[in-house]
Amino acid sequence: MELIYCGGGNKRFAQIAMDHGFLYGSRLPATVYGPLHFADQDWRKPNRSAYMAALARHRPYMASVMDLEQEEQLDEVLSWANEAAQHVRVVMLIPKVFGIIPRLPRRIGNADVRIGYSVPTSHGGTELPVWEFSGRPVHLLGGSPGDQMHLAHYMDVVSADGNMPMKVATRFCQYWDGGWKDIDVTGYNGGDVPYEAFRLSCKNIMQAWRNVTR
């Protein structure tokens, strides 16, 4: 199981995650703070040329391509995937069209294909039923740790990414331990509290996933 901290803009958060066993991911193009395992692109404003140039420079293990939101986009998405496959070992396709997953290849070029499922949140997500992903290796994009672990009971989840623990630590000084809890700030300088909350989340999430995947 690959757990990936996907975030940019703060090297200290990235290092805490990696120290606790998380792999590192980032939306490209961006400043990269460690060995890049997973690259994502801006699904709202895809920029193919800039993204592919960044993939060629960083050569991550896995990379997503533009979301497949309409059936008529299939050829364009596969074109993205073929180009991305020159730089990575795993290409992630993110289908959001009912019934289209059987039409997606299992390999593209020299790269394996992994299916991305965008965990539903207030900001959007995949509306496809989980059974459409049956028989395919799945990557969970975003969402809370609890929601991700719940989905792992219904899909062949082999990887998951997210930055919700960082956001919750930053905004509310809370950490995840089966749910969100306030951190005891005793003994910490104010500026260190969000980092300690995030550290606790990383530790607890890693252990909880070990229990899920036993």
C-alpha atoms as a PDB file:
ATOM      1  CA  MET A   1       0.000   0.000   0.000  1.00  0.00           C
ATOM      2  CA  GLU A   2       1.443   3.346  -1.103  1.00  0.00           C
ATOM      3  CA  LEU A   3       0.500   6.273   1.132  1.00  0.00           C
ATOM      4  CA  ILE A   4       1.385   9.583  -0.460  1.00  0.00           C
ATOM      5  CA  TYR A   5       1.507  13.056   1.016  1.00  0.00           C
ATOM      6  CA  CYS A   6       0.615  15.320  -1.882  1.00  0.00           C
ATOM      7  CA  GLY A   7       1.331  18.940  -1.091  1.00  0.00           C
ATOM      8  CA  GLY A   8       3.486  21.869  -2.012  1.00  0.00           C
ATOM      9  CA  GLY A   9       4.602  25.164  -0.572  1.00  0.00           C
ATOM     10  CA  ASN A  10       6.017  23.873   2.713  1.00  0.00           C
ATOM     11  CA  LYS A  11       9.129  21.733   2.917  1.00  0.00           C
ATOM     12  CA  ARG A  12       8.711  21.047   6.650  1.00  0.00           C
ATOM     13  CA  PHE A  13       5.323  19.351   6.198  1.00  0.00           C
ATOM     14  CA  ALA A  14       6.716  17.261   3.356  1.00  0.00           C
ATOM     15  CA  GLN A  15       9.683  16.154   5.446  1.00  0.00           C
ATOM     16  CA  ILE A  16       7.482  15.194   8.416  1.00  0.00           C
ATOM     17  CA  ALA A  17       5.348  13.030   6.137  1.00  0.00           C
ATOM     18  CA  MET A  18       8.353  11.316   4.573  1.00  0.00           C
ATOM     19  CA  ASP A  19       9.917  10.752   8.009  1.00  0.00           C
ATOM     20  CA  HIS A  20       6.802   8.766   8.926  1.00  0.00           C
ATOM     21  CA  GLY A  21       6.900   6.573   5.842  1.00  0.00           C
ATOM     22  CA  PHE A  22       4.778   8.528   3.393  1.00  0.00           C
ATOM     23  CA  LEU A  23       5.857   8.852  -0.201  1.00  0.00           C
ATOM     24  CA  TYR A  24       5.898  12.314  -1.717  1.00  0.00           C
ATOM     25  CA  GLY A  25       3.639  13.736  -4.385  1.00  0.00           C
ATOM     26  CA  SER A  26       3.066  17.157  -5.894  1.00  0.00           C
ATOM     27  CA  ARG A  27       0.940  18.920  -8.452  1.00  0.00           C
ATOM     28  CA  LEU A  28       3.235  19.893 -11.308  1.00  0.00           C
ATOM     29  CA  PRO A  29       4.737  22.208 -12.320  1.00  0.00           C
ATOM     30  CA  ALA A  30       5.850  23.191  -8.811  1.00  0.00           C
ATOM     31  CA  THR A  31       8.790  23.295  -6.430  1.00  0.00           C
ATOM     32  CA  VAL A  32       9.516  19.697  -5.375  1.00  0.00           C
ATOM     33  CA  TYR A  33      10.778  18.955  -1.865  1.00  0.00           C
ATOM     34  CA  GLY A  34      11.806  15.307  -2.114  1.00  0.00           C
ATOM     35  CA  PRO A  35      12.003  12.234  -4.343  1.00  0.00           C
ATOM     36  CA  LEU A  36       8.812  12.524  -6.397  1.00  0.00           C
ATOM     37  CA  HIS A  37       6.718   9.371  -6.339  1.00  0.00           C
ATOM     38  CA  PHE A  38       3.453  10.806  -7.673  1.00  0.00           C
ATOM     39  CA  ALA A  39       2.759  13.744  -9.967  1.00  0.00           C
ATOM     40  CA  ASP A  40      -0.688  15.236 -10.409  1.00  0.00           C
ATOM     41  CA  GLN A  41      -1.897  17.887 -12.819  1.00  0.00           C
ATOM     42  CA  ASP A  42      -4.360  20.726 -12.381  1.00  0.00           C
ATOM     43  CA  TRP A  43      -7.617  19.049 -13.403  1.00  0.00           C
ATOM     44  CA  ARG A  44      -9.449  22.388 -13.500  1.00  0.00           C
ATOM     45  CA  LYS A  45      -6.931  24.052 -15.842  1.00  0.00           C
ATOM     46  CA  PRO A  46      -4.981  21.332 -17.685  1.00  0.00           C
ATOM     47  CA  ASN A  47      -1.766  22.550 -19.321  1.00  0.00           C
ATOM     48  CA  ARG A  48      -0.403  19.605 -21.253  1.00  0.00           C
ATOM     49  CA  SER A  49       2.867  21.070 -22.477  1.00  0.00           C
ATOM     50  CA  ALA A  50       3.931  22.439 -19.079  1.00  0.00           C
ATOM     51  CA  TYR A  51       2.913  19.224 -17.323  1.00  0.00           C
ATOM     52  CA  MET A  52       4.733  16.911 -19.717  1.00  0.00           C
ATOM     53  CA  ALA A  53       7.867  19.050 -19.498  1.00  0.00           C
ATOM     54  CA  ALA A  54       7.725  18.732 -15.704  1.00  0.00           C
ATOM     55  CA  LEU A  55       7.260  14.950 -15.946  1.00  0.00           C
ATOM     56  CA  ALA A  56      10.292  14.717 -18.222  1.00  0.00           C
ATOM     57  CA  ARG A  57      12.327  16.707 -15.689  1.00  0.00           C
ATOM     58  CA  HIS A  58      11.247  14.897 -12.494  1.00  0.00           C
ATOM     59  CA  ARG A  59      10.393  11.402 -13.811  1.00  0.00           C
ATOM     60  CA  PRO A  60       8.094  10.330 -10.976  1.00  0.00           C
ATOM     61  CA  TYR A  61       7.035   6.728 -10.472  1.00  0.00           C
ATOM     62  CA  MET A  62       3.385   7.546 -11.207  1.00  0.00           C
ATOM     63  CA  ALA A  63       1.505  10.400 -12.829  1.00  0.00           C
ATOM     64  CA  SER A  64      -2.108  11.252 -13.470  1.00  0.00           C
ATOM     65  CA  VAL A  65      -3.403  12.694 -16.720  1.00  0.00           C
ATOM     66  CA  MET A  66      -6.433  14.879 -17.481  1.00  0.00           C
ATOM     67  CA  ASP A  67      -9.706  13.641 -16.002  1.00  0.00           C
ATOM     68  CA  LEU A  68     -12.015  11.661 -18.271  1.00  0.00           C
ATOM     69  CA  GLU A  69     -15.221  13.609 -17.654  1.00  0.00           C
ATOM     70  CA  GLN A  70     -16.994  13.017 -20.963  1.00  0.00           C
ATOM     71  CA  GLU A  71     -16.947  10.009 -23.293  1.00  0.00           C
ATOM     72  CA  GLU A  72     -15.789  12.092 -26.234  1.00  0.00           C
ATOM     73  CA  GLN A  73     -12.597  12.939 -24.311  1.00  0.00           C
ATOM     74  CA  LEU A  74     -11.362   9.336 -24.348  1.00  0.00           C
ATOM     75  CA  ASP A  75      -8.997   9.724 -27.309  1.00  0.00           C
ATOM     76  CA  GLU A  76      -7.521  12.927 -25.871  1.00  0.00           C
ATOM     77  CA  VAL A  77      -7.035  11.347 -22.444  1.00  0.00           C
ATOM     78  CA  LEU A  78      -5.303   8.320 -23.971  1.00  0.00           C
ATOM     79  CA  SER A  79      -3.092  10.662 -25.988  1.00  0.00           C
ATOM     80  CA  TRP A  80      -2.037  12.361 -22.745  1.00  0.00           C
ATOM     81  CA  ALA A  81      -1.439   8.937 -21.223  1.00  0.00           C
ATOM     82  CA  ASN A  82       0.749   7.762 -24.088  1.00  0.00           C
ATOM     83  CA  GLU A  83       2.931  10.843 -23.747  1.00  0.00           C
ATOM     84  CA  ALA A  84       3.123  10.577 -19.957  1.00  0.00           C
ATOM     85  CA  ALA A  85       4.062   6.878 -20.221  1.00  0.00           C
ATOM     86  CA  GLN A  86       7.412   7.908 -21.694  1.00  0.00           C
ATOM     87  CA  HIS A  87       8.420   9.374 -18.327  1.00  0.00           C
ATOM     88  CA  VAL A  88       6.763   7.170 -15.651  1.00  0.00           C
ATOM     89  CA  ARG A  89       6.176   3.559 -14.690  1.00  0.00           C
ATOM     90  CA  VAL A  90       2.488   3.962 -13.828  1.00  0.00           C
ATOM     91  CA  VAL A  91      -0.065   6.177 -15.585  1.00  0.00           C
ATOM     92  CA  MET A  92      -3.224   7.069 -13.694  1.00  0.00           C
ATOM     93  CA  LEU A  93      -6.493   7.413 -15.586  1.00  0.00           C
ATOM     94  CA  ILE A  94      -9.329   9.139 -13.739  1.00  0.00           C
ATOM     95  CA  PRO A  95     -12.682   8.082 -15.250  1.00  0.00           C
ATOM     96  CA  LYS A  96     -15.840  10.001 -14.384  1.00  0.00           C
ATOM     97  CA  VAL A  97     -18.053   8.506 -17.105  1.00  0.00           C
ATOM     98  CA  PHE A  98     -20.444   5.650 -16.362  1.00  0.00           C
ATOM     99  CA  GLY A  99     -19.538   2.370 -18.055  1.00  0.00           C
ATOM    100  CA  ILE A 100     -16.233   3.496 -19.548  1.00  0.00           C
ATOM    101  CA  ILE A 101     -13.743   1.672 -17.334  1.00  0.00           C
ATOM    102  CA  PRO A 102     -13.858  -1.600 -19.359  1.00  0.00           C
ATOM    103  CA  ARG A 103     -12.621   0.427 -22.356  1.00  0.00           C
ATOM    104  CA  LEU A 104      -9.524   1.633 -20.525  1.00  0.00           C
ATOM    105  CA  PRO A 105      -6.272  -0.255 -21.213  1.00  0.00           C
ATOM    106  CA  ARG A 106      -4.297  -2.012 -18.498  1.00  0.00           C
ATOM    107  CA  ARG A 107      -0.983  -0.908 -19.992  1.00  0.00           C
ATOM    108  CA  ILE A 108       0.002   2.114 -22.071  1.00  0.00           C
ATOM    109  CA  GLY A 109       3.401   1.975 -23.736  1.00  0.00           C
ATOM    110  CA  ASN A 110       5.777   0.592 -21.126  1.00  0.00           C
ATOM    111  CA  ALA A 111       3.664   1.814 -18.207  1.00  0.00           C
ATOM    112  CA  ASP A 112       1.016   0.083 -16.126  1.00  0.00           C
ATOM    113  CA  VAL A 113      -2.365   1.772 -15.763  1.00  0.00           C
ATOM    114  CA  ARG A 114      -3.886   2.567 -12.388  1.00  0.00           C
ATOM    115  CA  ILE A 115      -7.443   3.847 -12.056  1.00  0.00           C
ATOM    116  CA  GLY A 116      -7.921   6.998 -10.005  1.00  0.00           C
ATOM    117  CA  TYR A 117     -11.003   7.487  -7.833  1.00  0.00           C
ATOM    118  CA  SER A 118     -11.559  11.044  -6.625  1.00  0.00           C
ATOM    119  CA  VAL A 119     -12.978  10.670  -3.114  1.00  0.00           C
ATOM    120  CA  PRO A 120     -16.159  12.797  -2.862  1.00  0.00           C
ATOM    121  CA  THR A 121     -15.787  15.931  -0.730  1.00  0.00           C
ATOM    122  CA  SER A 122     -17.442  19.342  -0.643  1.00  0.00           C
ATOM    123  CA  HIS A 123     -15.155  20.303  -3.545  1.00  0.00           C
ATOM    124  CA  GLY A 124     -16.365  17.501  -5.838  1.00  0.00           C
ATOM    125  CA  GLY A 125     -15.351  13.948  -6.582  1.00  0.00           C
ATOM    126  CA  THR A 126     -16.150  10.852  -8.598  1.00  0.00           C
ATOM    127  CA  GLU A 127     -19.857  10.034  -8.872  1.00  0.00           C
ATOM    128  CA  LEU A 128     -19.351   6.528 -10.267  1.00  0.00           C
ATOM    129  CA  PRO A 129     -20.471   3.625  -8.055  1.00  0.00           C
ATOM    130  CA  VAL A 130     -17.613   1.745  -6.449  1.00  0.00           C
ATOM    131  CA  TRP A 131     -18.488  -1.528  -8.189  1.00  0.00           C
ATOM    132  CA  GLU A 132     -17.486  -0.041 -11.545  1.00  0.00           C
ATOM    133  CA  PHE A 133     -13.883  -0.151 -10.307  1.00  0.00           C
ATOM    134  CA  SER A 134     -13.973  -3.894  -9.620  1.00  0.00           C
ATOM    135  CA  GLY A 135     -11.000  -5.837 -10.923  1.00  0.00           C
ATOM    136  CA  ARG A 136      -8.748  -2.817 -11.408  1.00  0.00           C
ATOM    137  CA  PRO A 137      -5.992  -1.447  -9.136  1.00  0.00           C
ATOM    138  CA  VAL A 138      -7.256   1.835  -7.681  1.00  0.00           C
ATOM    139  CA  HIS A 139      -5.633   5.014  -6.397  1.00  0.00           C
ATOM    140  CA  LEU A 140      -7.702   7.191  -4.048  1.00  0.00           C
ATOM    141  CA  LEU A 141      -7.381  10.902  -4.706  1.00  0.00           C
ATOM    142  CA  GLY A 142      -7.933  13.110  -1.672  1.00  0.00           C
ATOM    143  CA  GLY A 143     -10.616  12.839   0.965  1.00  0.00           C
ATOM    144  CA  SER A 144     -10.328  12.138   4.671  1.00  0.00           C
ATOM    145  CA  PRO A 145      -8.292   9.196   6.004  1.00  0.00           C
ATOM    146  CA  GLY A 146     -11.460   7.589   7.361  1.00  0.00           C
ATOM    147  CA  ASP A 147     -13.284   7.832   4.036  1.00  0.00           C
ATOM    148  CA  GLN A 148     -10.288   6.388   2.213  1.00  0.00           C
ATOM    149  CA  MET A 149     -10.050   3.422   4.576  1.00  0.00           C
ATOM    150  CA  HIS A 150     -13.775   2.772   4.214  1.00  0.00           C
ATOM    151  CA  LEU A 151     -13.457   2.664   0.417  1.00  0.00           C
ATOM    152  CA  ALA A 152     -10.580   0.184   0.714  1.00  0.00           C
ATOM    153  CA  HIS A 153     -13.119  -2.417   1.859  1.00  0.00           C
ATOM    154  CA  TYR A 154     -14.872  -2.192  -1.533  1.00  0.00           C
ATOM    155  CA  MET A 155     -12.049  -1.571  -4.016  1.00  0.00           C
ATOM    156  CA  ASP A 156      -8.597  -2.951  -4.733  1.00  0.00           C
ATOM    157  CA  VAL A 157      -6.928   0.139  -3.301  1.00  0.00           C
ATOM    158  CA  VAL A 158      -3.167   0.029  -3.858  1.00  0.00           C
ATOM    159  CA  SER A 159      -2.365   3.698  -3.228  1.00  0.00           C
ATOM    160  CA  ALA A 160      -3.881   6.850  -1.760  1.00  0.00           C
ATOM    161  CA  ASP A 161      -2.870  10.482  -1.528  1.00  0.00           C
ATOM    162  CA  GLY A 162      -4.078  13.569   0.237  1.00  0.00           C
ATOM    163  CA  ASN A 163      -3.289  16.708   2.184  1.00  0.00           C
ATOM    164  CA  MET A 164      -6.370  16.988   4.414  1.00  0.00           C
ATOM    165  CA  PRO A 165      -4.347  16.246   7.591  1.00  0.00           C
ATOM    166  CA  MET A 166      -2.057  19.161   6.755  1.00  0.00           C
ATOM    167  CA  LYS A 167      -5.006  21.490   6.145  1.00  0.00           C
ATOM    168  CA  VAL A 168      -6.749  20.470   9.370  1.00  0.00           C
ATOM    169  CA  ALA A 169      -3.509  20.849  11.345  1.00  0.00           C
ATOM    170  CA  THR A 170      -2.921  24.297   9.877  1.00  0.00           C
ATOM    171  CA  ARG A 171      -6.449  25.633  10.267  1.00  0.00           C
ATOM    172  CA  PHE A 172      -7.638  23.985  13.474  1.00  0.00           C
ATOM    173  CA  CYS A 173      -4.534  22.527  15.193  1.00  0.00           C
ATOM    174  CA  GLN A 174      -6.205  19.127  15.097  1.00  0.00           C
ATOM    175  CA  TYR A 175      -4.818  15.684  14.332  1.00  0.00           C
ATOM    176  CA  TRP A 176      -6.386  12.442  13.087  1.00  0.00           C
ATOM    177  CA  ASP A 177      -6.810   9.476  15.395  1.00  0.00           C
ATOM    178  CA  GLY A 178      -9.844   7.697  13.989  1.00  0.00           C
ATOM    179  CA  GLY A 179     -11.396  11.166  13.846  1.00  0.00           C
ATOM    180  CA  TRP A 180     -10.210  14.745  14.269  1.00  0.00           C
ATOM    181  CA  LYS A 181      -9.033  15.686  17.763  1.00  0.00           C
ATOM    182  CA  ASP A 182      -7.655  18.872  19.322  1.00  0.00           C
ATOM    183  CA  ILE A 183      -3.977  18.677  20.156  1.00  0.00           C
ATOM    184  CA  ASP A 184      -2.724  19.368  23.667  1.00  0.00           C
ATOM    185  CA  VAL A 185      -0.633  22.487  23.067  1.00  0.00           C
ATOM    186  CA  THR A 186       1.183  22.255  26.420  1.00  0.00           C
ATOM    187  CA  GLY A 187       4.920  22.586  25.963  1.00  0.00           C
ATOM    188  CA  TYR A 188       4.858  23.738  22.337  1.00  0.00           C
ATOM    189  CA  ASN A 189       5.691  27.078  20.825  1.00  0.00           C
ATOM    190  CA  GLY A 190       2.664  28.376  18.966  1.00  0.00           C
ATOM    191  CA  GLY A 191       4.260  28.078  15.562  1.00  0.00           C
ATOM    192  CA  ASP A 192       5.156  24.433  16.140  1.00  0.00           C
ATOM    193  CA  VAL A 193       1.650  23.265  17.073  1.00  0.00           C
ATOM    194  CA  PRO A 194       0.370  22.674  13.509  1.00  0.00           C
ATOM    195  CA  TYR A 195       3.486  20.657  12.704  1.00  0.00           C
ATOM    196  CA  GLU A 196       3.080  18.507  15.816  1.00  0.00           C
ATOM    197  CA  ALA A 197      -0.594  17.947  14.971  1.00  0.00           C
ATOM    198  CA  PHE A 198       0.403  16.900  11.467  1.00  0.00           C
ATOM    199  CA  ARG A 199       3.113  14.606  12.827  1.00  0.00           C
ATOM    200  CA  LEU A 200       0.580  12.841  15.046  1.00  0.00           C
ATOM    201  CA  SER A 201      -1.786  12.468  12.096  1.00  0.00           C
ATOM    202  CA  CYS A 202       0.933  10.926   9.947  1.00  0.00           C
ATOM    203  CA  LYS A 203       1.846   8.455  12.679  1.00  0.00           C
ATOM    204  CA  ASN A 204      -1.770   7.442  13.340  1.00  0.00           C
ATOM    205  CA  ILE A 205      -2.778   7.222   9.688  1.00  0.00           C
ATOM    206  CA  MET A 206       0.171   4.995   8.850  1.00  0.00           C
ATOM    207  CA  GLN A 207      -0.710   2.628  11.714  1.00  0.00           C
ATOM    208  CA  ALA A 208      -4.420   2.592  10.853  1.00  0.00           C
ATOM    209  CA  TRP A 209      -3.692   1.633   7.234  1.00  0.00           C
ATOM    210  CA  ARG A 210      -1.518  -1.242   8.459  1.00  0.00           C
ATOM    211  CA  ASN A 211      -4.570  -2.562  10.297  1.00  0.00           C
ATOM    212  CA  VAL A 212      -6.795  -2.124   7.216  1.00  0.00           C
ATOM    213  CA  THR A 213      -4.425  -3.962   4.882  1.00  0.00           C
ATOM    214  CA  ARG A 214      -3.562  -6.933   7.129  1.00  0.00           C
END
